[in-house]
Amino acid sequence: MHIAVPESPKTCLDLQRALSALVSAAAEAARAEGRDELSVGAWATSETFYSRCGFEPDSEPYESNGMSCRRLRLRLAQAGA
């Protein structure tokens, strides 16, 4: 699933908040399953959003369906670690 997050905070603030909550929920679910990371294949236009959520680049840029993309990774700290 691809989710493009526009850069304009005035027109997209509610969408960005909702998506941030979704990413946080996914991270919590992954942590509960004992996973140490989440990864996404993000469009270049969404990379800033994911960066704000704590994701870091995990690949060189690549093209997918004519769109510039990059794999991003979020390292998850385990409770008590």
PDB file of N, CA and C in Angstrom:
ATOM      1  N   MET A   1       0.843  -1.166   0.000  1.00  0.00           N
ATOM      2  CA  MET A   1       0.000   0.000   0.000  1.00  0.00           C
ATOM      3  C   MET A   1       0.889   1.229   0.000  1.00  0.00           C
ATOM      4  N   HIS A   2       0.602   2.167  -0.856  1.00  0.00           N
ATOM      5  CA  HIS A   2       1.353   3.416  -0.908  1.00  0.00           C
ATOM      6  C   HIS A   2       0.481   4.545  -0.385  1.00  0.00           C
ATOM      7  N   ILE A   3       1.043   5.358   0.486  1.00  0.00           N
ATOM      8  CA  ILE A   3       0.340   6.527   1.002  1.00  0.00           C
ATOM      9  C   ILE A   3       1.225   7.734   0.727  1.00  0.00           C
ATOM     10  N   ALA A   4       0.754   8.630  -0.125  1.00  0.00           N
ATOM     11  CA  ALA A   4       1.493   9.857  -0.417  1.00  0.00           C
ATOM     12  C   ALA A   4       1.051  10.920   0.580  1.00  0.00           C
ATOM     13  N   VAL A   5       2.007  11.540   1.226  1.00  0.00           N
ATOM     14  CA  VAL A   5       1.701  12.574   2.209  1.00  0.00           C
ATOM     15  C   VAL A   5       2.203  13.906   1.668  1.00  0.00           C
ATOM     16  N   PRO A   6       1.289  14.802   1.260  1.00  0.00           N
ATOM     17  CA  PRO A   6       1.706  16.101   0.747  1.00  0.00           C
ATOM     18  C   PRO A   6       2.482  16.878   1.798  1.00  0.00           C
ATOM     19  N   GLU A   7       3.356  17.764   1.337  1.00  0.00           N
ATOM     20  CA  GLU A   7       4.230  18.519   2.229  1.00  0.00           C
ATOM     21  C   GLU A   7       3.547  19.707   2.905  1.00  0.00           C
ATOM     22  N   SER A   8       2.448  20.211   2.372  1.00  0.00           N
ATOM     23  CA  SER A   8       1.823  21.420   2.890  1.00  0.00           C
ATOM     24  C   SER A   8       1.107  21.166   4.214  1.00  0.00           C
ATOM     25  N   PRO A   9       1.659  21.659   5.341  1.00  0.00           N
ATOM     26  CA  PRO A   9       1.050  21.368   6.631  1.00  0.00           C
ATOM     27  C   PRO A   9      -0.327  22.012   6.818  1.00  0.00           C
ATOM     28  N   LYS A  10      -0.581  23.152   6.190  1.00  0.00           N
ATOM     29  CA  LYS A  10      -1.876  23.810   6.367  1.00  0.00           C
ATOM     30  C   LYS A  10      -3.012  22.977   5.797  1.00  0.00           C
ATOM     31  N   THR A  11      -2.814  22.392   4.638  1.00  0.00           N
ATOM     32  CA  THR A  11      -3.891  21.650   3.994  1.00  0.00           C
ATOM     33  C   THR A  11      -3.916  20.189   4.414  1.00  0.00           C
ATOM     34  N   CYS A  12      -2.868  19.706   5.055  1.00  0.00           N
ATOM     35  CA  CYS A  12      -2.762  18.270   5.333  1.00  0.00           C
ATOM     36  C   CYS A  12      -2.530  17.931   6.794  1.00  0.00           C
ATOM     37  N   LEU A  13      -2.673  18.880   7.673  1.00  0.00           N
ATOM     38  CA  LEU A  13      -2.341  18.639   9.077  1.00  0.00           C
ATOM     39  C   LEU A  13      -3.156  17.491   9.673  1.00  0.00           C
ATOM     40  N   ASP A  14      -4.467  17.469   9.423  1.00  0.00           N
ATOM     41  CA  ASP A  14      -5.291  16.382   9.966  1.00  0.00           C
ATOM     42  C   ASP A  14      -4.876  15.042   9.384  1.00  0.00           C
ATOM     43  N   LEU A  15      -4.586  14.994   8.088  1.00  0.00           N
ATOM     44  CA  LEU A  15      -4.150  13.753   7.454  1.00  0.00           C
ATOM     45  C   LEU A  15      -2.821  13.295   8.039  1.00  0.00           C
ATOM     46  N   GLN A  16      -1.885  14.222   8.219  1.00  0.00           N
ATOM     47  CA  GLN A  16      -0.590  13.862   8.776  1.00  0.00           C
ATOM     48  C   GLN A  16      -0.725  13.365  10.211  1.00  0.00           C
ATOM     49  N   ARG A  17      -1.597  13.968  10.983  1.00  0.00           N
ATOM     50  CA  ARG A  17      -1.814  13.511  12.362  1.00  0.00           C
ATOM     51  C   ARG A  17      -2.407  12.109  12.375  1.00  0.00           C
ATOM     52  N   ALA A  18      -3.380  11.876  11.501  1.00  0.00           N
ATOM     53  CA  ALA A  18      -4.003  10.550  11.439  1.00  0.00           C
ATOM     54  C   ALA A  18      -2.995   9.496  11.003  1.00  0.00           C
ATOM     55  N   LEU A  19      -2.177   9.815  10.017  1.00  0.00           N
ATOM     56  CA  LEU A  19      -1.174   8.859   9.555  1.00  0.00           C
ATOM     57  C   LEU A  19      -0.091   8.645  10.601  1.00  0.00           C
ATOM     58  N   SER A  20       0.272   9.683  11.329  1.00  0.00           N
ATOM     59  CA  SER A  20       1.250   9.536  12.416  1.00  0.00           C
ATOM     60  C   SER A  20       0.710   8.593  13.480  1.00  0.00           C
ATOM     61  N   ALA A  21      -0.575   8.723  13.785  1.00  0.00           N
ATOM     62  CA  ALA A  21      -1.195   7.823  14.761  1.00  0.00           C
ATOM     63  C   ALA A  21      -1.203   6.388  14.241  1.00  0.00           C
ATOM     64  N   LEU A  22      -1.426   6.219  12.954  1.00  0.00           N
ATOM     65  CA  LEU A  22      -1.408   4.890  12.348  1.00  0.00           C
ATOM     66  C   LEU A  22      -0.010   4.278  12.422  1.00  0.00           C
ATOM     67  N   VAL A  23       1.012   5.072  12.130  1.00  0.00           N
ATOM     68  CA  VAL A  23       2.395   4.586  12.217  1.00  0.00           C
ATOM     69  C   VAL A  23       2.729   4.219  13.666  1.00  0.00           C
ATOM     70  N   SER A  24       2.308   5.042  14.615  1.00  0.00           N
ATOM     71  CA  SER A  24       2.559   4.749  16.032  1.00  0.00           C
ATOM     72  C   SER A  24       1.883   3.450  16.455  1.00  0.00           C
ATOM     73  N   ALA A  25       0.652   3.239  15.995  1.00  0.00           N
ATOM     74  CA  ALA A  25      -0.068   2.009  16.325  1.00  0.00           C
ATOM     75  C   ALA A  25       0.625   0.791  15.712  1.00  0.00           C
ATOM     76  N   ALA A  26       1.109   0.932  14.485  1.00  0.00           N
ATOM     77  CA  ALA A  26       1.833  -0.171  13.838  1.00  0.00           C
ATOM     78  C   ALA A  26       3.117  -0.483  14.598  1.00  0.00           C
ATOM     79  N   ALA A  27       3.818   0.560  15.053  1.00  0.00           N
ATOM     80  CA  ALA A  27       5.057   0.360  15.807  1.00  0.00           C
ATOM     81  C   ALA A  27       4.768  -0.352  17.128  1.00  0.00           C
ATOM     82  N   GLU A  28       3.702   0.047  17.814  1.00  0.00           N
ATOM     83  CA  GLU A  28       3.346  -0.602  19.080  1.00  0.00           C
ATOM     84  C   GLU A  28       2.971  -2.063  18.860  1.00  0.00           C
ATOM     85  N   ALA A  29       2.227  -2.346  17.806  1.00  0.00           N
ATOM     86  CA  ALA A  29       1.847  -3.730  17.504  1.00  0.00           C
ATOM     87  C   ALA A  29       3.087  -4.568  17.183  1.00  0.00           C
ATOM     88  N   ALA A  30       4.009  -3.991  16.422  1.00  0.00           N
ATOM     89  CA  ALA A  30       5.245  -4.710  16.077  1.00  0.00           C
ATOM     90  C   ALA A  30       6.073  -4.978  17.331  1.00  0.00           C
ATOM     91  N   ARG A  31       6.168  -3.989  18.218  1.00  0.00           N
ATOM     92  CA  ARG A  31       6.887  -4.163  19.481  1.00  0.00           C
ATOM     93  C   ARG A  31       6.265  -5.282  20.312  1.00  0.00           C
ATOM     94  N   ALA A  32       4.935  -5.297  20.370  1.00  0.00           N
ATOM     95  CA  ALA A  32       4.228  -6.318  21.145  1.00  0.00           C
ATOM     96  C   ALA A  32       4.494  -7.717  20.593  1.00  0.00           C
ATOM     97  N   GLU A  33       4.777  -7.806  19.292  1.00  0.00           N
ATOM     98  CA  GLU A  33       5.104  -9.086  18.662  1.00  0.00           C
ATOM     99  C   GLU A  33       6.582  -9.433  18.784  1.00  0.00           C
ATOM    100  N   GLY A  34       7.358  -8.539  19.424  1.00  0.00           N
ATOM    101  CA  GLY A  34       8.778  -8.801  19.613  1.00  0.00           C
ATOM    102  C   GLY A  34       9.653  -8.389  18.438  1.00  0.00           C
ATOM    103  N   ARG A  35       9.109  -7.630  17.524  1.00  0.00           N
ATOM    104  CA  ARG A  35       9.916  -7.174  16.381  1.00  0.00           C
ATOM    105  C   ARG A  35      10.831  -6.029  16.802  1.00  0.00           C
ATOM    106  N   ASP A  36      11.975  -5.918  16.132  1.00  0.00           N
ATOM    107  CA  ASP A  36      12.895  -4.830  16.463  1.00  0.00           C
ATOM    108  C   ASP A  36      12.885  -3.701  15.443  1.00  0.00           C
ATOM    109  N   GLU A  37      12.134  -3.845  14.351  1.00  0.00           N
ATOM    110  CA  GLU A  37      12.088  -2.757  13.367  1.00  0.00           C
ATOM    111  C   GLU A  37      10.862  -2.869  12.473  1.00  0.00           C
ATOM    112  N   LEU A  38      10.527  -1.736  11.890  1.00  0.00           N
ATOM    113  CA  LEU A  38       9.520  -1.657  10.832  1.00  0.00           C
ATOM    114  C   LEU A  38      10.224  -1.101   9.604  1.00  0.00           C
ATOM    115  N   SER A  39       9.812  -1.541   8.427  1.00  0.00           N
ATOM    116  CA  SER A  39      10.362  -0.950   7.218  1.00  0.00           C
ATOM    117  C   SER A  39       9.231  -0.664   6.244  1.00  0.00           C
ATOM    118  N   VAL A  40       9.413   0.385   5.467  1.00  0.00           N
ATOM    119  CA  VAL A  40       8.433   0.786   4.456  1.00  0.00           C
ATOM    120  C   VAL A  40       9.172   1.124   3.166  1.00  0.00           C
ATOM    121  N   GLY A  41       8.516   0.901   2.064  1.00  0.00           N
ATOM    122  CA  GLY A  41       8.987   1.404   0.779  1.00  0.00           C
ATOM    123  C   GLY A  41       8.230   2.689   0.519  1.00  0.00           C
ATOM    124  N   ALA A  42       8.887   3.819   0.680  1.00  0.00           N
ATOM    125  CA  ALA A  42       8.210   5.116   0.641  1.00  0.00           C
ATOM    126  C   ALA A  42       8.521   5.878  -0.641  1.00  0.00           C
ATOM    127  N   TRP A  43       7.501   6.536  -1.161  1.00  0.00           N
ATOM    128  CA  TRP A  43       7.726   7.463  -2.263  1.00  0.00           C
ATOM    129  C   TRP A  43       8.581   8.608  -1.750  1.00  0.00           C
ATOM    130  N   ALA A  44       9.370   9.199  -2.618  1.00  0.00           N
ATOM    131  CA  ALA A  44      10.222  10.324  -2.230  1.00  0.00           C
ATOM    132  C   ALA A  44       9.394  11.454  -1.626  1.00  0.00           C
ATOM    133  N   THR A  45       8.169  11.653  -2.117  1.00  0.00           N
ATOM    134  CA  THR A  45       7.319  12.728  -1.587  1.00  0.00           C
ATOM    135  C   THR A  45       6.860  12.462  -0.159  1.00  0.00           C
ATOM    136  N   SER A  46       6.960  11.225   0.305  1.00  0.00           N
ATOM    137  CA  SER A  46       6.542  10.871   1.669  1.00  0.00           C
ATOM    138  C   SER A  46       7.710  10.733   2.636  1.00  0.00           C
ATOM    139  N   GLU A  47       8.922  10.840   2.128  1.00  0.00           N
ATOM    140  CA  GLU A  47      10.102  10.580   2.959  1.00  0.00           C
ATOM    141  C   GLU A  47      10.208  11.534   4.145  1.00  0.00           C
ATOM    142  N   THR A  48       9.862  12.797   3.969  1.00  0.00           N
ATOM    143  CA  THR A  48       9.928  13.765   5.070  1.00  0.00           C
ATOM    144  C   THR A  48       8.968  13.368   6.187  1.00  0.00           C
ATOM    145  N   PHE A  49       7.767  12.956   5.823  1.00  0.00           N
ATOM    146  CA  PHE A  49       6.789  12.508   6.819  1.00  0.00           C
ATOM    147  C   PHE A  49       7.350  11.352   7.632  1.00  0.00           C
ATOM    148  N   TYR A  50       7.845  10.320   6.945  1.00  0.00           N
ATOM    149  CA  TYR A  50       8.372   9.153   7.654  1.00  0.00           C
ATOM    150  C   TYR A  50       9.589   9.519   8.500  1.00  0.00           C
ATOM    151  N   SER A  51      10.398  10.442   8.032  1.00  0.00           N
ATOM    152  CA  SER A  51      11.544  10.904   8.808  1.00  0.00           C
ATOM    153  C   SER A  51      11.088  11.520  10.125  1.00  0.00           C
ATOM    154  N   ARG A  52      10.015  12.286  10.063  1.00  0.00           N
ATOM    155  CA  ARG A  52       9.465  12.889  11.284  1.00  0.00           C
ATOM    156  C   ARG A  52       8.937  11.835  12.248  1.00  0.00           C
ATOM    157  N   CYS A  53       8.576  10.677  11.734  1.00  0.00           N
ATOM    158  CA  CYS A  53       8.102   9.562  12.566  1.00  0.00           C
ATOM    159  C   CYS A  53       9.255   8.717  13.074  1.00  0.00           C
ATOM    160  N   GLY A  54      10.489   9.077  12.719  1.00  0.00           N
ATOM    161  CA  GLY A  54      11.661   8.369  13.224  1.00  0.00           C
ATOM    162  C   GLY A  54      12.287   7.378  12.263  1.00  0.00           C
ATOM    163  N   PHE A  55      11.753   7.260  11.050  1.00  0.00           N
ATOM    164  CA  PHE A  55      12.329   6.349  10.064  1.00  0.00           C
ATOM    165  C   PHE A  55      13.614   6.923   9.495  1.00  0.00           C
ATOM    166  N   GLU A  56      14.537   6.033   9.143  1.00  0.00           N
ATOM    167  CA  GLU A  56      15.815   6.426   8.533  1.00  0.00           C
ATOM    168  C   GLU A  56      15.977   5.687   7.209  1.00  0.00           C
ATOM    169  N   PRO A  57      16.668   6.310   6.237  1.00  0.00           N
ATOM    170  CA  PRO A  57      16.898   5.628   4.949  1.00  0.00           C
ATOM    171  C   PRO A  57      17.621   4.304   5.158  1.00  0.00           C
ATOM    172  N   ASP A  58      17.167   3.290   4.408  1.00  0.00           N
ATOM    173  CA  ASP A  58      17.765   1.963   4.499  1.00  0.00           C
ATOM    174  C   ASP A  58      18.123   1.430   3.108  1.00  0.00           C
ATOM    175  N   SER A  59      18.068   2.295   2.108  1.00  0.00           N
ATOM    176  CA  SER A  59      18.448   1.898   0.753  1.00  0.00           C
ATOM    177  C   SER A  59      18.758   3.146  -0.055  1.00  0.00           C
ATOM    178  N   GLU A  60      19.377   2.918  -1.194  1.00  0.00           N
ATOM    179  CA  GLU A  60      19.540   4.000  -2.154  1.00  0.00           C
ATOM    180  C   GLU A  60      18.178   4.221  -2.817  1.00  0.00           C
ATOM    181  N   PRO A  61      17.931   5.423  -3.337  1.00  0.00           N
ATOM    182  CA  PRO A  61      16.680   5.641  -4.065  1.00  0.00           C
ATOM    183  C   PRO A  61      16.559   4.668  -5.239  1.00  0.00           C
ATOM    184  N   TYR A  62      15.326   4.269  -5.516  1.00  0.00           N
ATOM    185  CA  TYR A  62      15.038   3.392  -6.645  1.00  0.00           C
ATOM    186  C   TYR A  62      13.704   3.821  -7.259  1.00  0.00           C
ATOM    187  N   GLU A  63      13.420   3.340  -8.443  1.00  0.00           N
ATOM    188  CA  GLU A  63      12.155   3.668  -9.093  1.00  0.00           C
ATOM    189  C   GLU A  63      11.202   2.497  -9.018  1.00  0.00           C
ATOM    190  N   SER A  64       9.948   2.800  -8.753  1.00  0.00           N
ATOM    191  CA  SER A  64       8.883   1.799  -8.746  1.00  0.00           C
ATOM    192  C   SER A  64       7.672   2.418  -9.426  1.00  0.00           C
ATOM    193  N   ASN A  65       7.247   1.804 -10.509  1.00  0.00           N
ATOM    194  CA  ASN A  65       6.106   2.327 -11.277  1.00  0.00           C
ATOM    195  C   ASN A  65       6.303   3.792 -11.663  1.00  0.00           C
ATOM    196  N   GLY A  66       7.527   4.152 -12.007  1.00  0.00           N
ATOM    197  CA  GLY A  66       7.825   5.511 -12.443  1.00  0.00           C
ATOM    198  C   GLY A  66       7.975   6.524 -11.321  1.00  0.00           C
ATOM    199  N   MET A  67       7.906   6.068 -10.059  1.00  0.00           N
ATOM    200  CA  MET A  67       8.028   6.974  -8.913  1.00  0.00           C
ATOM    201  C   MET A  67       9.356   6.723  -8.209  1.00  0.00           C
ATOM    202  N   SER A  68       9.996   7.791  -7.763  1.00  0.00           N
ATOM    203  CA  SER A  68      11.218   7.670  -6.984  1.00  0.00           C
ATOM    204  C   SER A  68      10.844   7.205  -5.579  1.00  0.00           C
ATOM    205  N   CYS A  69      11.507   6.143  -5.117  1.00  0.00           N
ATOM    206  CA  CYS A  69      11.205   5.543  -3.814  1.00  0.00           C
ATOM    207  C   CYS A  69      12.492   5.273  -3.048  1.00  0.00           C
ATOM    208  N   ARG A  70      12.317   4.946  -1.786  1.00  0.00           N
ATOM    209  CA  ARG A  70      13.438   4.524  -0.951  1.00  0.00           C
ATOM    210  C   ARG A  70      12.877   3.669   0.182  1.00  0.00           C
ATOM    211  N   ARG A  71      13.597   2.629   0.553  1.00  0.00           N
ATOM    212  CA  ARG A  71      13.207   1.826   1.714  1.00  0.00           C
ATOM    213  C   ARG A  71      13.670   2.583   2.961  1.00  0.00           C
ATOM    214  N   LEU A  72      12.779   2.693   3.937  1.00  0.00           N
ATOM    215  CA  LEU A  72      13.061   3.371   5.198  1.00  0.00           C
ATOM    216  C   LEU A  72      12.834   2.392   6.339  1.00  0.00           C
ATOM    217  N   ARG A  73      13.574   2.572   7.420  1.00  0.00           N
ATOM    218  CA  ARG A  73      13.485   1.655   8.551  1.00  0.00           C
ATOM    219  C   ARG A  73      13.320   2.443   9.856  1.00  0.00           C
ATOM    220  N   LEU A  74      12.467   1.916  10.720  1.00  0.00           N
ATOM    221  CA  LEU A  74      12.275   2.457  12.053  1.00  0.00           C
ATOM    222  C   LEU A  74      12.725   1.390  13.044  1.00  0.00           C
ATOM    223  N   ARG A  75      13.750   1.710  13.824  1.00  0.00           N
ATOM    224  CA  ARG A  75      14.232   0.771  14.844  1.00  0.00           C
ATOM    225  C   ARG A  75      13.323   0.913  16.069  1.00  0.00           C
ATOM    226  N   LEU A  76      12.870  -0.211  16.583  1.00  0.00           N
ATOM    227  CA  LEU A  76      11.957  -0.218  17.712  1.00  0.00           C
ATOM    228  C   LEU A  76      12.704  -0.620  18.972  1.00  0.00           C
ATOM    229  N   ALA A  77      12.610   0.209  20.000  1.00  0.00           N
ATOM    230  CA  ALA A  77      13.215  -0.126  21.292  1.00  0.00           C
ATOM    231  C   ALA A  77      12.231  -1.026  22.025  1.00  0.00           C
ATOM    232  N   GLN A  78      12.707  -2.137  22.545  1.00  0.00           N
ATOM    233  CA  GLN A  78      11.866  -3.071  23.288  1.00  0.00           C
ATOM    234  C   GLN A  78      11.719  -2.572  24.722  1.00  0.00           C
ATOM    235  N   ALA A  79      10.531  -2.786  25.291  1.00  0.00           N
ATOM    236  CA  ALA A  79      10.295  -2.397  26.678  1.00  0.00           C
ATOM    237  C   ALA A  79      11.294  -3.119  27.571  1.00  0.00           C
ATOM    238  N   GLY A  80      11.907  -2.373  28.487  1.00  0.00           N
ATOM    239  CA  GLY A  80      12.875  -2.947  29.394  1.00  0.00           C
ATOM    240  C   GLY A  80      14.245  -3.146  28.796  1.00  0.00           C
ATOM    241  N   ALA A  81      14.439  -2.723  27.550  1.00  0.00           N
ATOM    242  CA  ALA A  81      15.755  -2.902  26.898  1.00  0.00           C
ATOM    243  C   ALA A  81      16.653  -1.732  27.175  1.00  0.00           C
TER     244      ALA A  81
END
